Amino acid sequence: MIQLLFSPQPRMVKGALKKLMATSCPHPNPMNFVSLDLGVTPVSEVVDECLSLPLDYDKKTVVAENCFFLEKSRSKPKFLKGDNPKALIDYLSNPDESIDLYLLVYSDALDEKGDYFQAVLASGARINPVSEFTKEQWHDYIARFFQKRAIAIDGTAIAEIEARIQGDYARFLNEGQKLAAYSGGAPISKKDVEMLVSEPLEDDAFKLANALARGDIKNALSVYRDLQVFSAEPVALIRLLSNQFRFLNEVRYLQSSGLTSNQISGALQCSQMRVNIALNNLRKMSEESMNNALDGLYQCERSIFTGADPELSFTLYLVNFSL
């Protein structure tokens, strides 16, 4: 059996995997289970594991984490030196039924036209998007999180947590544990949340993008240092910053098509003030700079998933940013 699980939130993907394995591999051990991170491990090693079934075992589970080559991306996937990724395509053409292979992709979009995805599809694999929580599910999940820890929390505090984490599952786990430790078992109030959990990262990503678009690296680093106080996740910032630069690209395209700022605002369903700020930033930022900025964010995120220190990687991205 082959299953592909994907979501931009790694912690949710791993949670879904854990539920699946509770049935398919309830008692994992070093002989019947192996997990490989393809950011630091050759794809060919996954194939080797799929072709190797230990004696006295009739099933084996192989987890291939961080399958970046299945993501929809602006650039071609870059494999490790000496790797033979085409071996995976060969394996998928005739997979071993005694091997349960799980492919984990940390993205919200798959490269459906790519050779690797087509090989996965042809193998009969199940493609499982890992759904993010709805607003109602978030409310219930947050309430249960604190209930399990015997900590009371009122509805206004839950609503404030929802507003501040903006659907980021990994961030909630960090912030939830911080709130639980701070409370010491006492009830959690809205005031506690406002004091301990930072404002939505999207606003800060907007500030970062504006500083970088103006070439103000000093201010960008200052914004990031403030965010580090609240334990902001670099990967979350990378994705939000990518959205900001993509917005700038959309504004550039619509402006080149002859639209006014008011028309651009209507087309993108955003405030005219935001469009005017974007147009002002675009005076200094060329199309080449924009492409380099987005590619740099992709490389930064990939380096983090391949073992680099997240805070150092993102800091280096900011320091080396150029227009």
C-alpha atoms as a PDB file:
ATOM      1  CA  MET A   1       0.000   0.000   0.000  1.00  0.00           C
ATOM      2  CA  ILE A   2       1.228   3.475  -0.903  1.00  0.00           C
ATOM      3  CA  GLN A   3      -0.239   6.663   0.556  1.00  0.00           C
ATOM      4  CA  LEU A   4       0.666  10.295  -0.087  1.00  0.00           C
ATOM      5  CA  LEU A   5      -0.231  12.815   2.634  1.00  0.00           C
ATOM      6  CA  PHE A   6       0.155  16.533   2.038  1.00  0.00           C
ATOM      7  CA  SER A   7      -0.448  19.821   3.849  1.00  0.00           C
ATOM      8  CA  PRO A   8       1.583  23.002   4.402  1.00  0.00           C
ATOM      9  CA  GLN A   9       1.490  22.186   8.133  1.00  0.00           C
ATOM     10  CA  PRO A  10       4.002  19.388   8.901  1.00  0.00           C
ATOM     11  CA  ARG A  11       2.672  18.743  12.399  1.00  0.00           C
ATOM     12  CA  MET A  12      -0.803  18.034  10.993  1.00  0.00           C
ATOM     13  CA  VAL A  13       0.636  15.665   8.383  1.00  0.00           C
ATOM     14  CA  LYS A  14       2.496  13.749  11.089  1.00  0.00           C
ATOM     15  CA  GLY A  15      -0.650  13.635  13.199  1.00  0.00           C
ATOM     16  CA  ALA A  16      -2.582  12.107  10.284  1.00  0.00           C
ATOM     17  CA  LEU A  17       0.234   9.604   9.720  1.00  0.00           C
ATOM     18  CA  LYS A  18       0.134   8.556  13.376  1.00  0.00           C
ATOM     19  CA  LYS A  19      -3.584   7.782  13.089  1.00  0.00           C
ATOM     20  CA  LEU A  20      -3.072   5.691   9.937  1.00  0.00           C
ATOM     21  CA  MET A  21      -0.195   3.765  11.468  1.00  0.00           C
ATOM     22  CA  ALA A  22      -2.264   2.940  14.555  1.00  0.00           C
ATOM     23  CA  THR A  23      -3.985   0.424  12.289  1.00  0.00           C
ATOM     24  CA  SER A  24      -1.366  -0.454   9.665  1.00  0.00           C
ATOM     25  CA  CYS A  25       1.653  -0.631  12.010  1.00  0.00           C
ATOM     26  CA  PRO A  26       0.456  -0.605  15.639  1.00  0.00           C
ATOM     27  CA  HIS A  27       3.735  -1.938  17.062  1.00  0.00           C
ATOM     28  CA  PRO A  28       6.642  -0.338  15.154  1.00  0.00           C
ATOM     29  CA  ASN A  29      10.158  -1.518  15.881  1.00  0.00           C
ATOM     30  CA  PRO A  30      13.557  -1.097  14.174  1.00  0.00           C
ATOM     31  CA  MET A  31      12.879  -4.181  12.028  1.00  0.00           C
ATOM     32  CA  ASN A  32       9.413  -3.415  10.642  1.00  0.00           C
ATOM     33  CA  PHE A  33       9.511   0.407  10.538  1.00  0.00           C
ATOM     34  CA  VAL A  34      11.856   3.035   9.116  1.00  0.00           C
ATOM     35  CA  SER A  35      11.416   6.790   8.647  1.00  0.00           C
ATOM     36  CA  LEU A  36      13.659   8.820   6.348  1.00  0.00           C
ATOM     37  CA  ASP A  37      13.886  12.594   5.852  1.00  0.00           C
ATOM     38  CA  LEU A  38      14.525  13.190   2.155  1.00  0.00           C
ATOM     39  CA  GLY A  39      15.980  16.586   2.860  1.00  0.00           C
ATOM     40  CA  VAL A  40      19.101  14.839   4.165  1.00  0.00           C
ATOM     41  CA  THR A  41      18.656  11.294   2.833  1.00  0.00           C
ATOM     42  CA  PRO A  42      18.894  10.155  -0.822  1.00  0.00           C
ATOM     43  CA  VAL A  43      15.644   9.085  -2.457  1.00  0.00           C
ATOM     44  CA  SER A  44      17.392   5.909  -3.570  1.00  0.00           C
ATOM     45  CA  GLU A  45      17.725   4.908   0.099  1.00  0.00           C
ATOM     46  CA  VAL A  46      13.931   4.880   0.369  1.00  0.00           C
ATOM     47  CA  VAL A  47      13.833   2.447  -2.547  1.00  0.00           C
ATOM     48  CA  ASP A  48      16.469   0.246  -0.883  1.00  0.00           C
ATOM     49  CA  GLU A  49      14.309   0.070   2.233  1.00  0.00           C
ATOM     50  CA  CYS A  50      11.237  -0.794   0.148  1.00  0.00           C
ATOM     51  CA  LEU A  51      13.138  -3.677  -1.432  1.00  0.00           C
ATOM     52  CA  SER A  52      14.322  -5.056   1.879  1.00  0.00           C
ATOM     53  CA  LEU A  53      11.913  -7.128   3.992  1.00  0.00           C
ATOM     54  CA  PRO A  54      13.464  -8.550   7.203  1.00  0.00           C
ATOM     55  CA  LEU A  55      13.321 -12.281   7.859  1.00  0.00           C
ATOM     56  CA  ASP A  56      10.300 -13.465   9.853  1.00  0.00           C
ATOM     57  CA  TYR A  57       8.312 -10.351   8.935  1.00  0.00           C
ATOM     58  CA  ASP A  58       5.514 -10.263   6.383  1.00  0.00           C
ATOM     59  CA  LYS A  59       4.998  -6.471   6.498  1.00  0.00           C
ATOM     60  CA  LYS A  60       7.185  -3.388   6.707  1.00  0.00           C
ATOM     61  CA  THR A  61       6.367   0.333   6.904  1.00  0.00           C
ATOM     62  CA  VAL A  62       8.560   2.941   5.215  1.00  0.00           C
ATOM     63  CA  VAL A  63       7.921   6.657   5.787  1.00  0.00           C
ATOM     64  CA  ALA A  64       9.505   9.114   3.339  1.00  0.00           C
ATOM     65  CA  GLU A  65       9.258  12.518   4.971  1.00  0.00           C
ATOM     66  CA  ASN A  66       9.684  15.876   3.200  1.00  0.00           C
ATOM     67  CA  CYS A  67       9.126  14.659  -0.384  1.00  0.00           C
ATOM     68  CA  PHE A  68      10.010  18.051  -1.883  1.00  0.00           C
ATOM     69  CA  PHE A  69      10.082  16.681  -5.435  1.00  0.00           C
ATOM     70  CA  LEU A  70       6.309  16.181  -5.300  1.00  0.00           C
ATOM     71  CA  GLU A  71       5.610  19.830  -4.432  1.00  0.00           C
ATOM     72  CA  LYS A  72       4.418  22.338  -6.975  1.00  0.00           C
ATOM     73  CA  SER A  73       7.381  24.695  -7.276  1.00  0.00           C
ATOM     74  CA  ARG A  74       8.801  27.435  -9.487  1.00  0.00           C
ATOM     75  CA  SER A  75      12.082  25.560  -9.944  1.00  0.00           C
ATOM     76  CA  LYS A  76      13.152  21.986 -10.601  1.00  0.00           C
ATOM     77  CA  PRO A  77      13.808  19.822  -7.522  1.00  0.00           C
ATOM     78  CA  LYS A  78      17.463  19.595  -6.521  1.00  0.00           C
ATOM     79  CA  PHE A  79      18.445  16.159  -5.266  1.00  0.00           C
ATOM     80  CA  LEU A  80      21.426  15.231  -3.129  1.00  0.00           C
ATOM     81  CA  LYS A  81      24.706  14.600  -4.898  1.00  0.00           C
ATOM     82  CA  GLY A  82      25.049  10.969  -5.998  1.00  0.00           C
ATOM     83  CA  ASP A  83      21.347  10.263  -5.581  1.00  0.00           C
ATOM     84  CA  ASN A  84      19.353   8.214  -8.109  1.00  0.00           C
ATOM     85  CA  PRO A  85      15.788   9.547  -7.696  1.00  0.00           C
ATOM     86  CA  LYS A  86      14.566   7.790 -10.870  1.00  0.00           C
ATOM     87  CA  ALA A  87      14.889   4.537  -8.913  1.00  0.00           C
ATOM     88  CA  LEU A  88      11.703   5.585  -7.107  1.00  0.00           C
ATOM     89  CA  ILE A  89       9.835   5.832 -10.414  1.00  0.00           C
ATOM     90  CA  ASP A  90      11.033   2.339 -11.302  1.00  0.00           C
ATOM     91  CA  TYR A  91       9.922   0.992  -7.922  1.00  0.00           C
ATOM     92  CA  LEU A  92       6.494   2.616  -8.178  1.00  0.00           C
ATOM     93  CA  SER A  93       5.896   0.857 -11.478  1.00  0.00           C
ATOM     94  CA  ASN A  94       5.975  -2.464  -9.591  1.00  0.00           C
ATOM     95  CA  PRO A  95       5.682  -1.848  -5.824  1.00  0.00           C
ATOM     96  CA  ASP A  96       6.040  -4.622  -3.249  1.00  0.00           C
ATOM     97  CA  GLU A  97       2.641  -5.353  -1.680  1.00  0.00           C
ATOM     98  CA  SER A  98       4.262  -6.271   1.616  1.00  0.00           C
ATOM     99  CA  ILE A  99       5.621  -2.716   1.986  1.00  0.00           C
ATOM    100  CA  ASP A 100       3.477   0.164   3.267  1.00  0.00           C
ATOM    101  CA  LEU A 101       5.052   3.326   1.866  1.00  0.00           C
ATOM    102  CA  TYR A 102       3.962   6.715   3.179  1.00  0.00           C
ATOM    103  CA  LEU A 103       5.064   9.804   1.236  1.00  0.00           C
ATOM    104  CA  LEU A 104       4.792  13.044   3.242  1.00  0.00           C
ATOM    105  CA  VAL A 105       4.683  16.372   1.391  1.00  0.00           C
ATOM    106  CA  TYR A 106       4.741  19.668   3.283  1.00  0.00           C
ATOM    107  CA  SER A 107       2.891  21.809   0.775  1.00  0.00           C
ATOM    108  CA  ASP A 108      -0.671  22.730  -0.120  1.00  0.00           C
ATOM    109  CA  ALA A 109      -0.131  21.993  -3.823  1.00  0.00           C
ATOM    110  CA  LEU A 110       1.331  19.007  -5.673  1.00  0.00           C
ATOM    111  CA  ASP A 111       3.200  18.964  -8.972  1.00  0.00           C
ATOM    112  CA  GLU A 112       0.452  16.974 -10.684  1.00  0.00           C
ATOM    113  CA  LYS A 113       2.145  17.135 -14.096  1.00  0.00           C
ATOM    114  CA  GLY A 114       5.537  16.028 -12.803  1.00  0.00           C
ATOM    115  CA  ASP A 115       7.041  12.595 -13.500  1.00  0.00           C
ATOM    116  CA  TYR A 116       7.209  11.668  -9.811  1.00  0.00           C
ATOM    117  CA  PHE A 117       3.577  12.501  -9.078  1.00  0.00           C
ATOM    118  CA  GLN A 118       2.445  10.677 -12.220  1.00  0.00           C
ATOM    119  CA  ALA A 119       4.408   7.605 -11.088  1.00  0.00           C
ATOM    120  CA  VAL A 120       2.771   7.800  -7.652  1.00  0.00           C
ATOM    121  CA  LEU A 121      -0.643   8.099  -9.280  1.00  0.00           C
ATOM    122  CA  ALA A 122      -0.004   5.162 -11.629  1.00  0.00           C
ATOM    123  CA  SER A 123       1.032   2.985  -8.671  1.00  0.00           C
ATOM    124  CA  GLY A 124      -2.529   3.171  -7.319  1.00  0.00           C
ATOM    125  CA  ALA A 125      -1.501   5.225  -4.305  1.00  0.00           C
ATOM    126  CA  ARG A 126      -4.076   6.993  -2.160  1.00  0.00           C
ATOM    127  CA  ILE A 127      -3.684  10.780  -2.322  1.00  0.00           C
ATOM    128  CA  ASN A 128      -4.698  12.249   1.042  1.00  0.00           C
ATOM    129  CA  PRO A 129      -4.867  16.015   1.549  1.00  0.00           C
ATOM    130  CA  VAL A 130      -4.705  16.654   5.284  1.00  0.00           C
ATOM    131  CA  SER A 131      -7.540  19.075   5.946  1.00  0.00           C
ATOM    132  CA  GLU A 132      -6.914  22.049   8.179  1.00  0.00           C
ATOM    133  CA  PHE A 133      -9.360  22.797  10.994  1.00  0.00           C
ATOM    134  CA  THR A 134     -12.519  24.810  10.424  1.00  0.00           C
ATOM    135  CA  LYS A 135     -13.278  27.651  12.850  1.00  0.00           C
ATOM    136  CA  GLU A 136     -15.644  25.391  14.806  1.00  0.00           C
ATOM    137  CA  GLN A 137     -13.052  22.600  14.946  1.00  0.00           C
ATOM    138  CA  TRP A 138     -10.399  25.034  16.177  1.00  0.00           C
ATOM    139  CA  HIS A 139     -12.640  26.183  19.027  1.00  0.00           C
ATOM    140  CA  ASP A 140     -13.330  22.596  20.119  1.00  0.00           C
ATOM    141  CA  TYR A 141      -9.683  21.544  19.744  1.00  0.00           C
ATOM    142  CA  ILE A 142      -8.359  24.437  21.842  1.00  0.00           C
ATOM    143  CA  ALA A 143     -10.961  23.775  24.548  1.00  0.00           C
ATOM    144  CA  ARG A 144     -10.040  20.052  24.656  1.00  0.00           C
ATOM    145  CA  PHE A 145      -6.300  20.861  24.714  1.00  0.00           C
ATOM    146  CA  PHE A 146      -6.655  22.710  28.020  1.00  0.00           C
ATOM    147  CA  GLN A 147      -9.375  20.426  29.357  1.00  0.00           C
ATOM    148  CA  LYS A 148      -6.966  17.466  29.101  1.00  0.00           C
ATOM    149  CA  ARG A 149      -4.555  19.460  31.259  1.00  0.00           C
ATOM    150  CA  ALA A 150      -7.270  20.293  33.799  1.00  0.00           C
ATOM    151  CA  ILE A 151      -7.054  24.005  32.973  1.00  0.00           C
ATOM    152  CA  ALA A 152     -10.172  26.132  32.579  1.00  0.00           C
ATOM    153  CA  ILE A 153     -10.348  28.622  29.710  1.00  0.00           C
ATOM    154  CA  ASP A 154     -13.243  30.889  28.786  1.00  0.00           C
ATOM    155  CA  GLY A 155     -14.702  31.484  25.329  1.00  0.00           C
ATOM    156  CA  THR A 156     -13.174  34.956  24.907  1.00  0.00           C
ATOM    157  CA  ALA A 157      -9.674  33.560  25.567  1.00  0.00           C
ATOM    158  CA  ILE A 158     -10.236  30.784  23.022  1.00  0.00           C
ATOM    159  CA  ALA A 159     -11.432  33.323  20.436  1.00  0.00           C
ATOM    160  CA  GLU A 160      -8.339  35.475  21.069  1.00  0.00           C
ATOM    161  CA  ILE A 161      -6.034  32.477  20.597  1.00  0.00           C
ATOM    162  CA  GLU A 162      -7.771  31.668  17.302  1.00  0.00           C
ATOM    163  CA  ALA A 163      -7.376  35.258  16.093  1.00  0.00           C
ATOM    164  CA  ARG A 164      -3.676  35.318  16.939  1.00  0.00           C
ATOM    165  CA  ILE A 165      -2.498  31.937  15.660  1.00  0.00           C
ATOM    166  CA  GLN A 166      -4.374  32.271  12.338  1.00  0.00           C
ATOM    167  CA  GLY A 167      -4.828  28.533  11.850  1.00  0.00           C
ATOM    168  CA  ASP A 168      -1.139  27.644  12.405  1.00  0.00           C
ATOM    169  CA  TYR A 169      -1.265  24.225  14.095  1.00  0.00           C
ATOM    170  CA  ALA A 170       2.427  24.048  15.054  1.00  0.00           C
ATOM    171  CA  ARG A 171       2.264  27.542  16.484  1.00  0.00           C
ATOM    172  CA  PHE A 172      -0.763  26.671  18.601  1.00  0.00           C
ATOM    173  CA  LEU A 173       1.028  23.675  20.099  1.00  0.00           C
ATOM    174  CA  ASN A 174       3.912  25.962  21.137  1.00  0.00           C
ATOM    175  CA  GLU A 175       1.664  28.757  22.394  1.00  0.00           C
ATOM    176  CA  GLY A 176      -0.735  26.332  24.104  1.00  0.00           C
ATOM    177  CA  GLN A 177       2.081  24.719  26.066  1.00  0.00           C
ATOM    178  CA  LYS A 178       3.391  28.171  27.017  1.00  0.00           C
ATOM    179  CA  LEU A 179      -0.035  29.273  28.267  1.00  0.00           C
ATOM    180  CA  ALA A 180      -0.493  26.018  30.203  1.00  0.00           C
ATOM    181  CA  ALA A 181       2.902  26.411  31.898  1.00  0.00           C
ATOM    182  CA  TYR A 182       2.217  30.058  32.726  1.00  0.00           C
ATOM    183  CA  SER A 183      -1.197  29.347  34.233  1.00  0.00           C
ATOM    184  CA  GLY A 184       0.112  26.754  36.673  1.00  0.00           C
ATOM    185  CA  GLY A 185      -3.321  25.151  36.628  1.00  0.00           C
ATOM    186  CA  ALA A 186      -5.223  28.418  37.123  1.00  0.00           C
ATOM    187  CA  PRO A 187      -7.918  29.502  34.625  1.00  0.00           C
ATOM    188  CA  ILE A 188      -6.654  31.197  31.436  1.00  0.00           C
ATOM    189  CA  SER A 189      -8.173  34.570  30.584  1.00  0.00           C
ATOM    190  CA  LYS A 190      -8.204  36.721  27.462  1.00  0.00           C
ATOM    191  CA  LYS A 191      -5.741  39.032  29.216  1.00  0.00           C
ATOM    192  CA  ASP A 192      -3.278  36.134  29.612  1.00  0.00           C
ATOM    193  CA  VAL A 193      -3.514  35.383  25.895  1.00  0.00           C
ATOM    194  CA  GLU A 194      -2.954  39.038  24.952  1.00  0.00           C
ATOM    195  CA  MET A 195       0.123  39.167  27.181  1.00  0.00           C
ATOM    196  CA  LEU A 196       1.751  35.900  26.087  1.00  0.00           C
ATOM    197  CA  VAL A 197       0.704  35.305  22.445  1.00  0.00           C
ATOM    198  CA  SER A 198       1.869  37.746  19.767  1.00  0.00           C
ATOM    199  CA  GLU A 199      -0.407  39.430  17.231  1.00  0.00           C
ATOM    200  CA  PRO A 200      -1.104  37.651  13.897  1.00  0.00           C
ATOM    201  CA  LEU A 201       2.110  37.019  11.965  1.00  0.00           C
ATOM    202  CA  GLU A 202       0.562  38.241   8.713  1.00  0.00           C
ATOM    203  CA  ASP A 203       0.753  41.852   9.928  1.00  0.00           C
ATOM    204  CA  ASP A 204       4.421  41.390  10.768  1.00  0.00           C
ATOM    205  CA  ALA A 205       5.096  39.717   7.418  1.00  0.00           C
ATOM    206  CA  PHE A 206       3.573  42.813   5.788  1.00  0.00           C
ATOM    207  CA  LYS A 207       6.027  45.009   7.734  1.00  0.00           C
ATOM    208  CA  LEU A 208       8.925  42.728   6.763  1.00  0.00           C
ATOM    209  CA  ALA A 209       7.985  42.766   3.073  1.00  0.00           C
ATOM    210  CA  ASN A 210       7.697  46.556   3.049  1.00  0.00           C
ATOM    211  CA  ALA A 211      11.103  46.970   4.700  1.00  0.00           C
ATOM    212  CA  LEU A 212      12.774  44.554   2.285  1.00  0.00           C
ATOM    213  CA  ALA A 213      11.087  46.104  -0.772  1.00  0.00           C
ATOM    214  CA  ARG A 214      12.577  49.455   0.278  1.00  0.00           C
ATOM    215  CA  GLY A 215      15.981  47.893   0.857  1.00  0.00           C
ATOM    216  CA  ASP A 216      15.766  48.691   4.582  1.00  0.00           C
ATOM    217  CA  ILE A 217      17.514  45.589   5.937  1.00  0.00           C
ATOM    218  CA  LYS A 218      18.119  47.190   9.341  1.00  0.00           C
ATOM    219  CA  ASN A 219      14.383  47.690   9.887  1.00  0.00           C
ATOM    220  CA  ALA A 220      13.601  44.167   8.613  1.00  0.00           C
ATOM    221  CA  LEU A 221      16.032  42.689  11.144  1.00  0.00           C
ATOM    222  CA  SER A 222      14.493  44.842  13.878  1.00  0.00           C
ATOM    223  CA  VAL A 223      10.995  43.517  13.059  1.00  0.00           C
ATOM    224  CA  TYR A 224      12.298  39.950  13.117  1.00  0.00           C
ATOM    225  CA  ARG A 225      14.073  40.453  16.468  1.00  0.00           C
ATOM    226  CA  ASP A 226      10.780  41.659  17.965  1.00  0.00           C
ATOM    227  CA  LEU A 227       9.064  38.548  16.618  1.00  0.00           C
ATOM    228  CA  GLN A 228      11.700  36.260  18.133  1.00  0.00           C
ATOM    229  CA  VAL A 229      10.638  37.468  21.581  1.00  0.00           C
ATOM    230  CA  PHE A 230       7.293  35.761  20.913  1.00  0.00           C
ATOM    231  CA  SER A 231       8.941  32.620  19.473  1.00  0.00           C
ATOM    232  CA  ALA A 232       7.685  33.268  15.937  1.00  0.00           C
ATOM    233  CA  GLU A 233       8.290  30.247  13.682  1.00  0.00           C
ATOM    234  CA  PRO A 234      10.648  31.118  10.764  1.00  0.00           C
ATOM    235  CA  VAL A 235       8.861  28.659   8.454  1.00  0.00           C
ATOM    236  CA  ALA A 236       5.528  30.377   9.103  1.00  0.00           C
ATOM    237  CA  LEU A 237       7.156  33.751   8.406  1.00  0.00           C
ATOM    238  CA  ILE A 238       8.705  32.433   5.190  1.00  0.00           C
ATOM    239  CA  ARG A 239       5.317  31.374   3.855  1.00  0.00           C
ATOM    240  CA  LEU A 240       3.601  34.603   4.863  1.00  0.00           C
ATOM    241  CA  LEU A 241       6.435  36.642   3.353  1.00  0.00           C
ATOM    242  CA  SER A 242       6.105  34.617   0.151  1.00  0.00           C
ATOM    243  CA  ASN A 243       2.427  35.576   0.029  1.00  0.00           C
ATOM    244  CA  GLN A 244       3.354  39.241   0.397  1.00  0.00           C
ATOM    245  CA  PHE A 245       5.812  39.082  -2.504  1.00  0.00           C
ATOM    246  CA  ARG A 246       3.315  37.190  -4.653  1.00  0.00           C
ATOM    247  CA  PHE A 247       0.821  39.979  -3.938  1.00  0.00           C
ATOM    248  CA  LEU A 248       3.382  42.512  -5.166  1.00  0.00           C
ATOM    249  CA  ASN A 249       3.806  40.447  -8.330  1.00  0.00           C
ATOM    250  CA  GLU A 250       0.046  40.477  -8.925  1.00  0.00           C
ATOM    251  CA  VAL A 251      -0.075  44.243  -8.450  1.00  0.00           C
ATOM    252  CA  ARG A 252       2.816  44.670 -10.902  1.00  0.00           C
ATOM    253  CA  TYR A 253       1.052  42.566 -13.525  1.00  0.00           C
ATOM    254  CA  LEU A 254      -2.282  44.389 -13.174  1.00  0.00           C
ATOM    255  CA  GLN A 255      -0.574  47.766 -13.310  1.00  0.00           C
ATOM    256  CA  SER A 256       1.284  46.764 -16.485  1.00  0.00           C
ATOM    257  CA  SER A 257      -2.102  45.778 -17.942  1.00  0.00           C
ATOM    258  CA  GLY A 258      -3.258  49.364 -17.558  1.00  0.00           C
ATOM    259  CA  LEU A 259      -5.410  49.102 -14.404  1.00  0.00           C
ATOM    260  CA  THR A 260      -5.631  51.993 -11.964  1.00  0.00           C
ATOM    261  CA  SER A 261      -4.962  51.523  -8.250  1.00  0.00           C
ATOM    262  CA  ASN A 262      -8.716  51.550  -7.619  1.00  0.00           C
ATOM    263  CA  GLN A 263      -9.281  48.857 -10.269  1.00  0.00           C
ATOM    264  CA  ILE A 264      -6.408  46.767  -8.862  1.00  0.00           C
ATOM    265  CA  SER A 265      -7.969  47.063  -5.411  1.00  0.00           C
ATOM    266  CA  GLY A 266     -11.249  45.721  -6.771  1.00  0.00           C
ATOM    267  CA  ALA A 267      -9.593  42.910  -8.733  1.00  0.00           C
ATOM    268  CA  LEU A 268      -7.566  41.708  -5.726  1.00  0.00           C
ATOM    269  CA  GLN A 269     -10.324  42.435  -3.188  1.00  0.00           C
ATOM    270  CA  CYS A 270      -8.073  44.427  -0.882  1.00  0.00           C
ATOM    271  CA  SER A 271      -7.889  48.000   0.377  1.00  0.00           C
ATOM    272  CA  GLN A 272      -6.693  50.741  -1.957  1.00  0.00           C
ATOM    273  CA  MET A 273      -4.188  51.781   0.707  1.00  0.00           C
ATOM    274  CA  ARG A 274      -2.507  48.380   0.491  1.00  0.00           C
ATOM    275  CA  VAL A 275      -2.345  48.669  -3.289  1.00  0.00           C
ATOM    276  CA  ASN A 276      -0.828  52.162  -3.046  1.00  0.00           C
ATOM    277  CA  ILE A 277       1.838  50.889  -0.627  1.00  0.00           C
ATOM    278  CA  ALA A 278       2.581  48.022  -3.022  1.00  0.00           C
ATOM    279  CA  LEU A 279       2.890  50.387  -5.995  1.00  0.00           C
ATOM    280  CA  ASN A 280       5.270  52.580  -4.018  1.00  0.00           C
ATOM    281  CA  ASN A 281       7.404  49.551  -3.101  1.00  0.00           C
ATOM    282  CA  LEU A 282       7.486  48.384  -6.710  1.00  0.00           C
ATOM    283  CA  ARG A 283       9.309  51.560  -7.735  1.00  0.00           C
ATOM    284  CA  LYS A 284      12.437  50.140  -6.131  1.00  0.00           C
ATOM    285  CA  MET A 285      11.864  46.426  -6.643  1.00  0.00           C
ATOM    286  CA  SER A 286      12.417  45.051 -10.140  1.00  0.00           C
ATOM    287  CA  GLU A 287      10.836  41.881 -11.490  1.00  0.00           C
ATOM    288  CA  GLU A 288      14.215  40.142 -11.240  1.00  0.00           C
ATOM    289  CA  SER A 289      14.529  41.184  -7.581  1.00  0.00           C
ATOM    290  CA  MET A 290      11.044  39.795  -6.955  1.00  0.00           C
ATOM    291  CA  ASN A 291      11.896  36.441  -8.504  1.00  0.00           C
ATOM    292  CA  ASN A 292      15.157  36.301  -6.549  1.00  0.00           C
ATOM    293  CA  ALA A 293      13.282  37.121  -3.321  1.00  0.00           C
ATOM    294  CA  LEU A 294      10.817  34.271  -3.855  1.00  0.00           C
ATOM    295  CA  ASP A 295      13.514  31.806  -4.885  1.00  0.00           C
ATOM    296  CA  GLY A 296      15.544  32.794  -1.823  1.00  0.00           C
ATOM    297  CA  LEU A 297      12.569  32.055   0.433  1.00  0.00           C
ATOM    298  CA  TYR A 298      12.133  28.655  -1.221  1.00  0.00           C
ATOM    299  CA  GLN A 299      15.829  27.836  -0.680  1.00  0.00           C
ATOM    300  CA  CYS A 300      15.645  29.103   2.908  1.00  0.00           C
ATOM    301  CA  GLU A 301      12.651  26.892   3.721  1.00  0.00           C
ATOM    302  CA  ARG A 302      14.271  23.910   2.056  1.00  0.00           C
ATOM    303  CA  SER A 303      17.497  24.379   4.031  1.00  0.00           C
ATOM    304  CA  ILE A 304      15.452  24.397   7.270  1.00  0.00           C
ATOM    305  CA  PHE A 305      13.720  21.152   6.304  1.00  0.00           C
ATOM    306  CA  THR A 306      17.111  19.625   5.536  1.00  0.00           C
ATOM    307  CA  GLY A 307      18.456  20.302   9.015  1.00  0.00           C
ATOM    308  CA  ALA A 308      19.675  23.915   9.049  1.00  0.00           C
ATOM    309  CA  ASP A 309      18.972  26.097  12.073  1.00  0.00           C
ATOM    310  CA  PRO A 310      15.666  27.916  11.332  1.00  0.00           C
ATOM    311  CA  GLU A 311      16.472  31.230  13.014  1.00  0.00           C
ATOM    312  CA  LEU A 312      19.974  31.428  11.534  1.00  0.00           C
ATOM    313  CA  SER A 313      18.734  30.524   8.036  1.00  0.00           C
ATOM    314  CA  PHE A 314      16.019  33.186   8.068  1.00  0.00           C
ATOM    315  CA  THR A 315      18.370  35.801   9.530  1.00  0.00           C
ATOM    316  CA  LEU A 316      20.878  35.102   6.737  1.00  0.00           C
ATOM    317  CA  TYR A 317      18.082  35.475   4.176  1.00  0.00           C
ATOM    318  CA  LEU A 318      17.275  38.936   5.556  1.00  0.00           C
ATOM    319  CA  VAL A 319      20.921  40.012   5.825  1.00  0.00           C
ATOM    320  CA  ASN A 320      21.744  38.913   2.258  1.00  0.00           C
ATOM    321  CA  PHE A 321      18.570  40.366   0.714  1.00  0.00           C
ATOM    322  CA  SER A 322      19.289  42.749  -2.146  1.00  0.00           C
ATOM    323  CA  LEU A 323      17.195  44.695  -4.655  1.00  0.00           C
END
